[in-house]
Amino acid sequence: WFALPLALTLSCLAIARIEVHPYSRWASPAGQRLLAALARRAGGT
């Protein structure tokens, strides 16, 4: 009976790690994509 709510919390954490897009402190996912494109254009140097 106690394993059921424990399984709920653990499965919720697992799904969140897979599905939820990681946010940085400042940039949203859209901002992160633009930053990645800018870094590629700058040549990383």
ModelCIF file with pLDDT and N, C-alpha, C, O atoms, coordinates in Angstrom:
data_MODEL
#
_entry.id   MODEL 
#
_entity.id                         1 
_entity.type                       polymer 
_entity.pdbx_number_of_molecules   1 
#
_entity_poly.entity_id                      1 
_entity_poly.type                           'polypeptide(L)' 
_entity_poly.nstd_linkage                   no 
_entity_poly.nstd_monomer                   no 
_entity_poly.pdbx_seq_one_letter_code       WFALPLALTLSCLAIARIEVHPYSRWASPAGQRLLAALARRAGGT 
_entity_poly.pdbx_seq_one_letter_code_can   WFALPLALTLSCLAIARIEVHPYSRWASPAGQRLLAALARRAGGT 
_entity_poly.pdbx_strand_id                 A 
#
loop_
_entity_poly_seq.entity_id 
_entity_poly_seq.num 
_entity_poly_seq.mon_id 
_entity_poly_seq.hetero 
1 1  TRP n 
1 2  PHE n 
1 3  ALA n 
1 4  LEU n 
1 5  PRO n 
1 6  LEU n 
1 7  ALA n 
1 8  LEU n 
1 9  THR n 
1 10 LEU n 
1 11 SER n 
1 12 CYS n 
1 13 LEU n 
1 14 ALA n 
1 15 ILE n 
1 16 ALA n 
1 17 ARG n 
1 18 ILE n 
1 19 GLU n 
1 20 VAL n 
1 21 HIS n 
1 22 PRO n 
1 23 TYR n 
1 24 SER n 
1 25 ARG n 
1 26 TRP n 
1 27 ALA n 
1 28 SER n 
1 29 PRO n 
1 30 ALA n 
1 31 GLY n 
1 32 GLN n 
1 33 ARG n 
1 34 LEU n 
1 35 LEU n 
1 36 ALA n 
1 37 ALA n 
1 38 LEU n 
1 39 ALA n 
1 40 ARG n 
1 41 ARG n 
1 42 ALA n 
1 43 GLY n 
1 44 GLY n 
1 45 THR n 
#
_struct_asym.id          A 
_struct_asym.entity_id   1 
#
loop_
_ma_qa_metric.id 
_ma_qa_metric.mode 
_ma_qa_metric.name 
_ma_qa_metric.software_group_id 
_ma_qa_metric.type 
1 global pLDDT . pLDDT 
2 local  pLDDT . pLDDT 
#
_ma_qa_metric_global.metric_id      1 
_ma_qa_metric_global.metric_value   79.69 
_ma_qa_metric_global.model_id       1 
_ma_qa_metric_global.ordinal_id     1 
#
loop_
_ma_qa_metric_local.label_asym_id 
_ma_qa_metric_local.label_comp_id 
_ma_qa_metric_local.label_seq_id 
_ma_qa_metric_local.metric_id 
_ma_qa_metric_local.metric_value 
_ma_qa_metric_local.model_id 
_ma_qa_metric_local.ordinal_id 
A TRP 1  2 92.00 1 1  
A PHE 2  2 93.00 1 2  
A ALA 3  2 95.00 1 3  
A LEU 4  2 94.00 1 4  
A PRO 5  2 95.00 1 5  
A LEU 6  2 95.00 1 6  
A ALA 7  2 95.00 1 7  
A LEU 8  2 94.00 1 8  
A THR 9  2 95.00 1 9  
A LEU 10 2 94.00 1 10 
A SER 11 2 93.00 1 11 
A CYS 12 2 91.00 1 12 
A LEU 13 2 88.00 1 13 
A ALA 14 2 88.00 1 14 
A ILE 15 2 84.00 1 15 
A ALA 16 2 79.00 1 16 
A ARG 17 2 77.00 1 17 
A ILE 18 2 75.00 1 18 
A GLU 19 2 66.00 1 19 
A VAL 20 2 63.00 1 20 
A HIS 21 2 57.00 1 21 
A PRO 22 2 57.00 1 22 
A TYR 23 2 56.00 1 23 
A SER 24 2 64.00 1 24 
A ARG 25 2 75.00 1 25 
A TRP 26 2 86.00 1 26 
A ALA 27 2 86.00 1 27 
A SER 28 2 81.00 1 28 
A PRO 29 2 78.00 1 29 
A ALA 30 2 81.00 1 30 
A GLY 31 2 86.00 1 31 
A GLN 32 2 86.00 1 32 
A ARG 33 2 84.00 1 33 
A LEU 34 2 87.00 1 34 
A LEU 35 2 87.00 1 35 
A ALA 36 2 85.00 1 36 
A ALA 37 2 82.00 1 37 
A LEU 38 2 81.00 1 38 
A ALA 39 2 77.00 1 39 
A ARG 40 2 76.00 1 40 
A ARG 41 2 71.00 1 41 
A ALA 42 2 64.00 1 42 
A GLY 43 2 60.00 1 43 
A GLY 44 2 47.00 1 44 
A THR 45 2 46.00 1 45 
#
loop_
_atom_site.group_PDB 
_atom_site.id 
_atom_site.type_symbol 
_atom_site.label_atom_id 
_atom_site.label_alt_id 
_atom_site.label_comp_id 
_atom_site.label_asym_id 
_atom_site.label_entity_id 
_atom_site.label_seq_id 
_atom_site.pdbx_PDB_ins_code 
_atom_site.Cartn_x 
_atom_site.Cartn_y 
_atom_site.Cartn_z 
_atom_site.occupancy 
_atom_site.B_iso_or_equiv 
_atom_site.pdbx_formal_charge 
_atom_site.auth_seq_id 
_atom_site.auth_comp_id 
_atom_site.auth_asym_id 
_atom_site.auth_atom_id 
_atom_site.pdbx_PDB_model_num 
ATOM 1   N N  . TRP A 1 1  ? 0.833  -1.210 0.000   1.00 92.00 ? 1  TRP A N  1 
ATOM 2   C CA . TRP A 1 1  ? 0.000  0.000  0.000   1.00 92.00 ? 1  TRP A CA 1 
ATOM 3   C C  . TRP A 1 1  ? 0.869  1.263  0.000   1.00 92.00 ? 1  TRP A C  1 
ATOM 4   O O  . TRP A 1 1  ? 0.562  2.239  -0.685  1.00 92.00 ? 1  TRP A O  1 
ATOM 5   N N  . PHE A 1 2  ? 1.943  1.229  0.768   1.00 93.00 ? 2  PHE A N  1 
ATOM 6   C CA . PHE A 1 2  ? 2.841  2.395  0.784   1.00 93.00 ? 2  PHE A CA 1 
ATOM 7   C C  . PHE A 1 2  ? 3.709  2.467  -0.480  1.00 93.00 ? 2  PHE A C  1 
ATOM 8   O O  . PHE A 1 2  ? 4.198  3.537  -0.843  1.00 93.00 ? 2  PHE A O  1 
ATOM 9   N N  . ALA A 1 3  ? 3.895  1.329  -1.140  1.00 95.00 ? 3  ALA A N  1 
ATOM 10  C CA . ALA A 1 3  ? 4.686  1.334  -2.370  1.00 95.00 ? 3  ALA A CA 1 
ATOM 11  C C  . ALA A 1 3  ? 3.969  2.080  -3.494  1.00 95.00 ? 3  ALA A C  1 
ATOM 12  O O  . ALA A 1 3  ? 4.612  2.592  -4.410  1.00 95.00 ? 3  ALA A O  1 
ATOM 13  N N  . LEU A 1 4  ? 2.641  2.141  -3.426  1.00 94.00 ? 4  LEU A N  1 
ATOM 14  C CA . LEU A 1 4  ? 1.894  2.821  -4.487  1.00 94.00 ? 4  LEU A CA 1 
ATOM 15  C C  . LEU A 1 4  ? 2.187  4.328  -4.544  1.00 94.00 ? 4  LEU A C  1 
ATOM 16  O O  . LEU A 1 4  ? 2.549  4.822  -5.612  1.00 94.00 ? 4  LEU A O  1 
ATOM 17  N N  . PRO A 1 5  ? 2.043  5.090  -3.424  1.00 95.00 ? 5  PRO A N  1 
ATOM 18  C CA . PRO A 1 5  ? 2.402  6.515  -3.511  1.00 95.00 ? 5  PRO A CA 1 
ATOM 19  C C  . PRO A 1 5  ? 3.896  6.728  -3.770  1.00 95.00 ? 5  PRO A C  1 
ATOM 20  O O  . PRO A 1 5  ? 4.285  7.712  -4.399  1.00 95.00 ? 5  PRO A O  1 
ATOM 21  N N  . LEU A 1 6  ? 4.733  5.804  -3.282  1.00 95.00 ? 6  LEU A N  1 
ATOM 22  C CA . LEU A 1 6  ? 6.170  5.932  -3.572  1.00 95.00 ? 6  LEU A CA 1 
ATOM 23  C C  . LEU A 1 6  ? 6.425  5.751  -5.063  1.00 95.00 ? 6  LEU A C  1 
ATOM 24  O O  . LEU A 1 6  ? 7.228  6.476  -5.651  1.00 95.00 ? 6  LEU A O  1 
ATOM 25  N N  . ALA A 1 7  ? 5.748  4.791  -5.672  1.00 95.00 ? 7  ALA A N  1 
ATOM 26  C CA . ALA A 1 7  ? 5.901  4.589  -7.120  1.00 95.00 ? 7  ALA A CA 1 
ATOM 27  C C  . ALA A 1 7  ? 5.381  5.793  -7.895  1.00 95.00 ? 7  ALA A C  1 
ATOM 28  O O  . ALA A 1 7  ? 5.935  6.156  -8.933  1.00 95.00 ? 7  ALA A O  1 
ATOM 29  N N  . LEU A 1 8  ? 4.314  6.414  -7.388  1.00 94.00 ? 8  LEU A N  1 
ATOM 30  C CA . LEU A 1 8  ? 3.778  7.611  -8.041  1.00 94.00 ? 8  LEU A CA 1 
ATOM 31  C C  . LEU A 1 8  ? 4.817  8.735  -8.075  1.00 94.00 ? 8  LEU A C  1 
ATOM 32  O O  . LEU A 1 8  ? 5.035  9.358  -9.115  1.00 94.00 ? 8  LEU A O  1 
ATOM 33  N N  . THR A 1 9  ? 5.449  8.986  -6.938  1.00 95.00 ? 9  THR A N  1 
ATOM 34  C CA . THR A 1 9  ? 6.431  10.072 -6.892  1.00 95.00 ? 9  THR A CA 1 
ATOM 35  C C  . THR A 1 9  ? 7.646  9.754  -7.763  1.00 95.00 ? 9  THR A C  1 
ATOM 36  O O  . THR A 1 9  ? 8.132  10.627 -8.482  1.00 95.00 ? 9  THR A O  1 
ATOM 37  N N  . LEU A 1 10 ? 8.131  8.537  -7.708  1.00 94.00 ? 10 LEU A N  1 
ATOM 38  C CA . LEU A 1 10 ? 9.320  8.184  -8.483  1.00 94.00 ? 10 LEU A CA 1 
ATOM 39  C C  . LEU A 1 10 ? 9.042  8.216  -9.981  1.00 94.00 ? 10 LEU A C  1 
ATOM 40  O O  . LEU A 1 10 ? 9.875  8.683  -10.758 1.00 94.00 ? 10 LEU A O  1 
ATOM 41  N N  . SER A 1 11 ? 7.874  7.722  -10.389 1.00 93.00 ? 11 SER A N  1 
ATOM 42  C CA . SER A 1 11 ? 7.544  7.748  -11.820 1.00 93.00 ? 11 SER A CA 1 
ATOM 43  C C  . SER A 1 11 ? 7.337  9.179  -12.301 1.00 93.00 ? 11 SER A C  1 
ATOM 44  O O  . SER A 1 11 ? 7.699  9.517  -13.428 1.00 93.00 ? 11 SER A O  1 
ATOM 45  N N  . CYS A 1 12 ? 6.752  10.027 -11.442 1.00 91.00 ? 12 CYS A N  1 
ATOM 46  C CA . CYS A 1 12 ? 6.562  11.432 -11.803 1.00 91.00 ? 12 CYS A CA 1 
ATOM 47  C C  . CYS A 1 12 ? 7.912  12.118 -12.010 1.00 91.00 ? 12 CYS A C  1 
ATOM 48  O O  . CYS A 1 12 ? 8.074  12.901 -12.946 1.00 91.00 ? 12 CYS A O  1 
ATOM 49  N N  . LEU A 1 13 ? 8.873  11.828 -11.144 1.00 88.00 ? 13 LEU A N  1 
ATOM 50  C CA . LEU A 1 13 ? 10.217 12.391 -11.302 1.00 88.00 ? 13 LEU A CA 1 
ATOM 51  C C  . LEU A 1 13 ? 10.867 11.900 -12.587 1.00 88.00 ? 13 LEU A C  1 
ATOM 52  O O  . LEU A 1 13 ? 11.491 12.679 -13.307 1.00 88.00 ? 13 LEU A O  1 
ATOM 53  N N  . ALA A 1 14 ? 10.723 10.611 -12.878 1.00 88.00 ? 14 ALA A N  1 
ATOM 54  C CA . ALA A 1 14 ? 11.339 10.049 -14.084 1.00 88.00 ? 14 ALA A CA 1 
ATOM 55  C C  . ALA A 1 14 ? 10.761 10.678 -15.345 1.00 88.00 ? 14 ALA A C  1 
ATOM 56  O O  . ALA A 1 14 ? 11.503 11.025 -16.264 1.00 88.00 ? 14 ALA A O  1 
ATOM 57  N N  . ILE A 1 15 ? 9.448  10.826 -15.390 1.00 84.00 ? 15 ILE A N  1 
ATOM 58  C CA . ILE A 1 15 ? 8.810  11.431 -16.560 1.00 84.00 ? 15 ILE A CA 1 
ATOM 59  C C  . ILE A 1 15 ? 9.226  12.885 -16.711 1.00 84.00 ? 15 ILE A C  1 
ATOM 60  O O  . ILE A 1 15 ? 9.472  13.351 -17.823 1.00 84.00 ? 15 ILE A O  1 
ATOM 61  N N  . ALA A 1 16 ? 9.305  13.609 -15.588 1.00 79.00 ? 16 ALA A N  1 
ATOM 62  C CA . ALA A 1 16 ? 9.692  15.021 -15.642 1.00 79.00 ? 16 ALA A CA 1 
ATOM 63  C C  . ALA A 1 16 ? 11.104 15.184 -16.180 1.00 79.00 ? 16 ALA A C  1 
ATOM 64  O O  . ALA A 1 16 ? 11.371 16.105 -16.951 1.00 79.00 ? 16 ALA A O  1 
ATOM 65  N N  . ARG A 1 17 ? 12.009 14.301 -15.783 1.00 77.00 ? 17 ARG A N  1 
ATOM 66  C CA . ARG A 1 17 ? 13.391 14.391 -16.272 1.00 77.00 ? 17 ARG A CA 1 
ATOM 67  C C  . ARG A 1 17 ? 13.470 14.156 -17.773 1.00 77.00 ? 17 ARG A C  1 
ATOM 68  O O  . ARG A 1 17 ? 14.331 14.720 -18.448 1.00 77.00 ? 17 ARG A O  1 
ATOM 69  N N  . ILE A 1 18 ? 12.586 13.336 -18.291 1.00 75.00 ? 18 ILE A N  1 
ATOM 70  C CA . ILE A 1 18 ? 12.614 13.025 -19.725 1.00 75.00 ? 18 ILE A CA 1 
ATOM 71  C C  . ILE A 1 18 ? 11.888 14.076 -20.546 1.00 75.00 ? 18 ILE A C  1 
ATOM 72  O O  . ILE A 1 18 ? 12.376 14.495 -21.596 1.00 75.00 ? 18 ILE A O  1 
ATOM 73  N N  . GLU A 1 19 ? 10.723 14.502 -20.072 1.00 66.00 ? 19 GLU A N  1 
ATOM 74  C CA . GLU A 1 19 ? 9.834  15.324 -20.879 1.00 66.00 ? 19 GLU A CA 1 
ATOM 75  C C  . GLU A 1 19 ? 10.035 16.829 -20.697 1.00 66.00 ? 19 GLU A C  1 
ATOM 76  O O  . GLU A 1 19 ? 9.881  17.591 -21.652 1.00 66.00 ? 19 GLU A O  1 
ATOM 77  N N  . VAL A 1 20 ? 10.376 17.261 -19.489 1.00 63.00 ? 20 VAL A N  1 
ATOM 78  C CA . VAL A 1 20 ? 10.438 18.699 -19.227 1.00 63.00 ? 20 VAL A CA 1 
ATOM 79  C C  . VAL A 1 20 ? 11.742 19.256 -19.757 1.00 63.00 ? 20 VAL A C  1 
ATOM 80  O O  . VAL A 1 20 ? 12.819 18.761 -19.427 1.00 63.00 ? 20 VAL A O  1 
ATOM 81  N N  . HIS A 1 21 ? 11.643 20.294 -20.586 1.00 57.00 ? 21 HIS A N  1 
ATOM 82  C CA . HIS A 1 21 ? 12.820 20.936 -21.159 1.00 57.00 ? 21 HIS A CA 1 
ATOM 83  C C  . HIS A 1 21 ? 13.575 21.668 -20.058 1.00 57.00 ? 21 HIS A C  1 
ATOM 84  O O  . HIS A 1 21 ? 12.978 22.443 -19.311 1.00 57.00 ? 21 HIS A O  1 
ATOM 85  N N  . PRO A 1 22 ? 14.880 21.433 -19.947 1.00 57.00 ? 22 PRO A N  1 
ATOM 86  C CA . PRO A 1 22 ? 15.636 22.111 -18.887 1.00 57.00 ? 22 PRO A CA 1 
ATOM 87  C C  . PRO A 1 22 ? 15.757 23.604 -19.148 1.00 57.00 ? 22 PRO A C  1 
ATOM 88  O O  . PRO A 1 22 ? 16.127 24.014 -20.248 1.00 57.00 ? 22 PRO A O  1 
ATOM 89  N N  . TYR A 1 23 ? 15.451 24.413 -18.154 1.00 56.00 ? 23 TYR A N  1 
ATOM 90  C CA . TYR A 1 23 ? 15.610 25.851 -18.232 1.00 56.00 ? 23 TYR A CA 1 
ATOM 91  C C  . TYR A 1 23 ? 16.945 26.245 -17.620 1.00 56.00 ? 23 TYR A C  1 
ATOM 92  O O  . TYR A 1 23 ? 17.370 25.682 -16.611 1.00 56.00 ? 23 TYR A O  1 
ATOM 93  N N  . SER A 1 24 ? 17.592 27.206 -18.236 1.00 64.00 ? 24 SER A N  1 
ATOM 94  C CA . SER A 1 24 ? 18.738 27.806 -17.580 1.00 64.00 ? 24 SER A CA 1 
ATOM 95  C C  . SER A 1 24 ? 18.238 28.874 -16.622 1.00 64.00 ? 24 SER A C  1 
ATOM 96  O O  . SER A 1 24 ? 17.032 29.096 -16.512 1.00 64.00 ? 24 SER A O  1 
ATOM 97  N N  . ARG A 1 25 ? 19.158 29.538 -15.926 1.00 75.00 ? 25 ARG A N  1 
ATOM 98  C CA . ARG A 1 25 ? 18.720 30.550 -14.980 1.00 75.00 ? 25 ARG A CA 1 
ATOM 99  C C  . ARG A 1 25 ? 18.099 31.734 -15.694 1.00 75.00 ? 25 ARG A C  1 
ATOM 100 O O  . ARG A 1 25 ? 17.197 32.373 -15.152 1.00 75.00 ? 25 ARG A O  1 
ATOM 101 N N  . TRP A 1 26 ? 18.565 32.045 -16.910 1.00 86.00 ? 26 TRP A N  1 
ATOM 102 C CA . TRP A 1 26 ? 18.123 33.265 -17.590 1.00 86.00 ? 26 TRP A CA 1 
ATOM 103 C C  . TRP A 1 26 ? 17.365 32.997 -18.879 1.00 86.00 ? 26 TRP A C  1 
ATOM 104 O O  . TRP A 1 26 ? 16.387 33.692 -19.158 1.00 86.00 ? 26 TRP A O  1 
ATOM 105 N N  . ALA A 1 27 ? 17.776 32.018 -19.674 1.00 86.00 ? 27 ALA A N  1 
ATOM 106 C CA . ALA A 1 27 ? 17.209 31.821 -21.010 1.00 86.00 ? 27 ALA A CA 1 
ATOM 107 C C  . ALA A 1 27 ? 16.124 30.753 -20.991 1.00 86.00 ? 27 ALA A C  1 
ATOM 108 O O  . ALA A 1 27 ? 16.262 29.720 -20.336 1.00 86.00 ? 27 ALA A O  1 
ATOM 109 N N  . SER A 1 28 ? 15.049 31.017 -21.715 1.00 81.00 ? 28 SER A N  1 
ATOM 110 C CA . SER A 1 28 ? 14.020 30.011 -21.934 1.00 81.00 ? 28 SER A CA 1 
ATOM 111 C C  . SER A 1 28 ? 14.534 29.023 -22.986 1.00 81.00 ? 28 SER A C  1 
ATOM 112 O O  . SER A 1 28 ? 15.590 29.257 -23.574 1.00 81.00 ? 28 SER A O  1 
ATOM 113 N N  . PRO A 1 29 ? 13.815 27.930 -23.237 1.00 78.00 ? 29 PRO A N  1 
ATOM 114 C CA . PRO A 1 29 ? 14.261 27.015 -24.296 1.00 78.00 ? 29 PRO A CA 1 
ATOM 115 C C  . PRO A 1 29 ? 14.450 27.710 -25.644 1.00 78.00 ? 29 PRO A C  1 
ATOM 116 O O  . PRO A 1 29 ? 15.395 27.398 -26.369 1.00 78.00 ? 29 PRO A O  1 
ATOM 117 N N  . ALA A 1 30 ? 13.562 28.648 -25.990 1.00 81.00 ? 30 ALA A N  1 
ATOM 118 C CA . ALA A 1 30 ? 13.732 29.387 -27.244 1.00 81.00 ? 30 ALA A CA 1 
ATOM 119 C C  . ALA A 1 30 ? 15.006 30.226 -27.202 1.00 81.00 ? 30 ALA A C  1 
ATOM 120 O O  . ALA A 1 30 ? 15.745 30.288 -28.184 1.00 81.00 ? 30 ALA A O  1 
ATOM 121 N N  . GLY A 1 31 ? 15.260 30.870 -26.066 1.00 86.00 ? 31 GLY A N  1 
ATOM 122 C CA . GLY A 1 31 ? 16.484 31.642 -25.924 1.00 86.00 ? 31 GLY A CA 1 
ATOM 123 C C  . GLY A 1 31 ? 17.721 30.776 -25.992 1.00 86.00 ? 31 GLY A C  1 
ATOM 124 O O  . GLY A 1 31 ? 18.736 31.186 -26.557 1.00 86.00 ? 31 GLY A O  1 
ATOM 125 N N  . GLN A 1 32 ? 17.653 29.583 -25.425 1.00 86.00 ? 32 GLN A N  1 
ATOM 126 C CA . GLN A 1 32 ? 18.795 28.670 -25.481 1.00 86.00 ? 32 GLN A CA 1 
ATOM 127 C C  . GLN A 1 32 ? 19.099 28.244 -26.911 1.00 86.00 ? 32 GLN A C  1 
ATOM 128 O O  . GLN A 1 32 ? 20.265 28.099 -27.280 1.00 86.00 ? 32 GLN A O  1 
ATOM 129 N N  . ARG A 1 33 ? 18.076 28.047 -27.709 1.00 84.00 ? 33 ARG A N  1 
ATOM 130 C CA . ARG A 1 33 ? 18.316 27.668 -29.108 1.00 84.00 ? 33 ARG A CA 1 
ATOM 131 C C  . ARG A 1 33 ? 18.993 28.804 -29.872 1.00 84.00 ? 33 ARG A C  1 
ATOM 132 O O  . ARG A 1 33 ? 19.892 28.564 -30.678 1.00 84.00 ? 33 ARG A O  1 
ATOM 133 N N  . LEU A 1 34 ? 18.565 30.031 -29.620 1.00 87.00 ? 34 LEU A N  1 
ATOM 134 C CA . LEU A 1 34 ? 19.203 31.162 -30.286 1.00 87.00 ? 34 LEU A CA 1 
ATOM 135 C C  . LEU A 1 34 ? 20.647 31.329 -29.828 1.00 87.00 ? 34 LEU A C  1 
ATOM 136 O O  . LEU A 1 34 ? 21.517 31.667 -30.631 1.00 87.00 ? 34 LEU A O  1 
ATOM 137 N N  . LEU A 1 35 ? 20.905 31.095 -28.551 1.00 87.00 ? 35 LEU A N  1 
ATOM 138 C CA . LEU A 1 35 ? 22.270 31.177 -28.054 1.00 87.00 ? 35 LEU A CA 1 
ATOM 139 C C  . LEU A 1 35 ? 23.160 30.128 -28.706 1.00 87.00 ? 35 LEU A C  1 
ATOM 140 O O  . LEU A 1 35 ? 24.309 30.405 -29.051 1.00 87.00 ? 35 LEU A O  1 
ATOM 141 N N  . ALA A 1 36 ? 22.629 28.930 -28.872 1.00 85.00 ? 36 ALA A N  1 
ATOM 142 C CA . ALA A 1 36 ? 23.406 27.872 -29.516 1.00 85.00 ? 36 ALA A CA 1 
ATOM 143 C C  . ALA A 1 36 ? 23.738 28.239 -30.955 1.00 85.00 ? 36 ALA A C  1 
ATOM 144 O O  . ALA A 1 36 ? 24.850 27.989 -31.421 1.00 85.00 ? 36 ALA A O  1 
ATOM 145 N N  . ALA A 1 37 ? 22.781 28.831 -31.658 1.00 82.00 ? 37 ALA A N  1 
ATOM 146 C CA . ALA A 1 37 ? 23.037 29.258 -33.028 1.00 82.00 ? 37 ALA A CA 1 
ATOM 147 C C  . ALA A 1 37 ? 24.083 30.361 -33.079 1.00 82.00 ? 37 ALA A C  1 
ATOM 148 O O  . ALA A 1 37 ? 24.939 30.363 -33.964 1.00 82.00 ? 37 ALA A O  1 
ATOM 149 N N  . LEU A 1 38 ? 24.022 31.294 -32.145 1.00 81.00 ? 38 LEU A N  1 
ATOM 150 C CA . LEU A 1 38 ? 25.007 32.375 -32.091 1.00 81.00 ? 38 LEU A CA 1 
ATOM 151 C C  . LEU A 1 38 ? 26.392 31.831 -31.797 1.00 81.00 ? 38 LEU A C  1 
ATOM 152 O O  . LEU A 1 38 ? 27.375 32.278 -32.389 1.00 81.00 ? 38 LEU A O  1 
ATOM 153 N N  . ALA A 1 39 ? 26.481 30.868 -30.886 1.00 77.00 ? 39 ALA A N  1 
ATOM 154 C CA . ALA A 1 39 ? 27.780 30.274 -30.557 1.00 77.00 ? 39 ALA A CA 1 
ATOM 155 C C  . ALA A 1 39 ? 28.372 29.567 -31.764 1.00 77.00 ? 39 ALA A C  1 
ATOM 156 O O  . ALA A 1 39 ? 29.583 29.624 -31.975 1.00 77.00 ? 39 ALA A O  1 
ATOM 157 N N  . ARG A 1 40 ? 27.536 28.895 -32.567 1.00 76.00 ? 40 ARG A N  1 
ATOM 158 C CA . ARG A 1 40 ? 28.041 28.232 -33.764 1.00 76.00 ? 40 ARG A CA 1 
ATOM 159 C C  . ARG A 1 40 ? 28.547 29.243 -34.782 1.00 76.00 ? 40 ARG A C  1 
ATOM 160 O O  . ARG A 1 40 ? 29.579 29.026 -35.418 1.00 76.00 ? 40 ARG A O  1 
ATOM 161 N N  . ARG A 1 41 ? 27.811 30.364 -34.940 1.00 71.00 ? 41 ARG A N  1 
ATOM 162 C CA . ARG A 1 41 ? 28.246 31.379 -35.899 1.00 71.00 ? 41 ARG A CA 1 
ATOM 163 C C  . ARG A 1 41 ? 29.542 32.039 -35.453 1.00 71.00 ? 41 ARG A C  1 
ATOM 164 O O  . ARG A 1 41 ? 30.376 32.410 -36.279 1.00 71.00 ? 41 ARG A O  1 
ATOM 165 N N  . ALA A 1 42 ? 29.706 32.183 -34.149 1.00 64.00 ? 42 ALA A N  1 
ATOM 166 C CA . ALA A 1 42 ? 30.933 32.795 -33.639 1.00 64.00 ? 42 ALA A CA 1 
ATOM 167 C C  . ALA A 1 42 ? 32.120 31.859 -33.747 1.00 64.00 ? 42 ALA A C  1 
ATOM 168 O O  . ALA A 1 42 ? 33.261 32.271 -33.543 1.00 64.00 ? 42 ALA A O  1 
ATOM 169 N N  . GLY A 1 43 ? 31.858 30.603 -34.066 1.00 60.00 ? 43 GLY A N  1 
ATOM 170 C CA . GLY A 1 43 ? 32.944 29.662 -34.253 1.00 60.00 ? 43 GLY A CA 1 
ATOM 171 C C  . GLY A 1 43 ? 33.518 29.116 -32.965 1.00 60.00 ? 43 GLY A C  1 
ATOM 172 O O  . GLY A 1 43 ? 34.504 28.379 -32.979 1.00 60.00 ? 43 GLY A O  1 
ATOM 173 N N  . GLY A 1 44 ? 32.887 29.486 -31.818 1.00 47.00 ? 44 GLY A N  1 
ATOM 174 C CA . GLY A 1 44 ? 33.364 28.982 -30.541 1.00 47.00 ? 44 GLY A CA 1 
ATOM 175 C C  . GLY A 1 44 ? 34.747 29.432 -30.170 1.00 47.00 ? 44 GLY A C  1 
ATOM 176 O O  . GLY A 1 44 ? 35.415 28.761 -29.383 1.00 47.00 ? 44 GLY A O  1 
ATOM 177 N N  . THR A 1 45 ? 35.211 30.555 -30.710 1.00 46.00 ? 45 THR A N  1 
ATOM 178 C CA . THR A 1 45 ? 36.551 31.034 -30.401 1.00 46.00 ? 45 THR A CA 1 
ATOM 179 C C  . THR A 1 45 ? 36.539 32.530 -30.234 1.00 46.00 ? 45 THR A C  1 
ATOM 180 O O  . THR A 1 45 ? 37.581 33.130 -29.969 1.00 46.00 ? 45 THR A O  1 
#
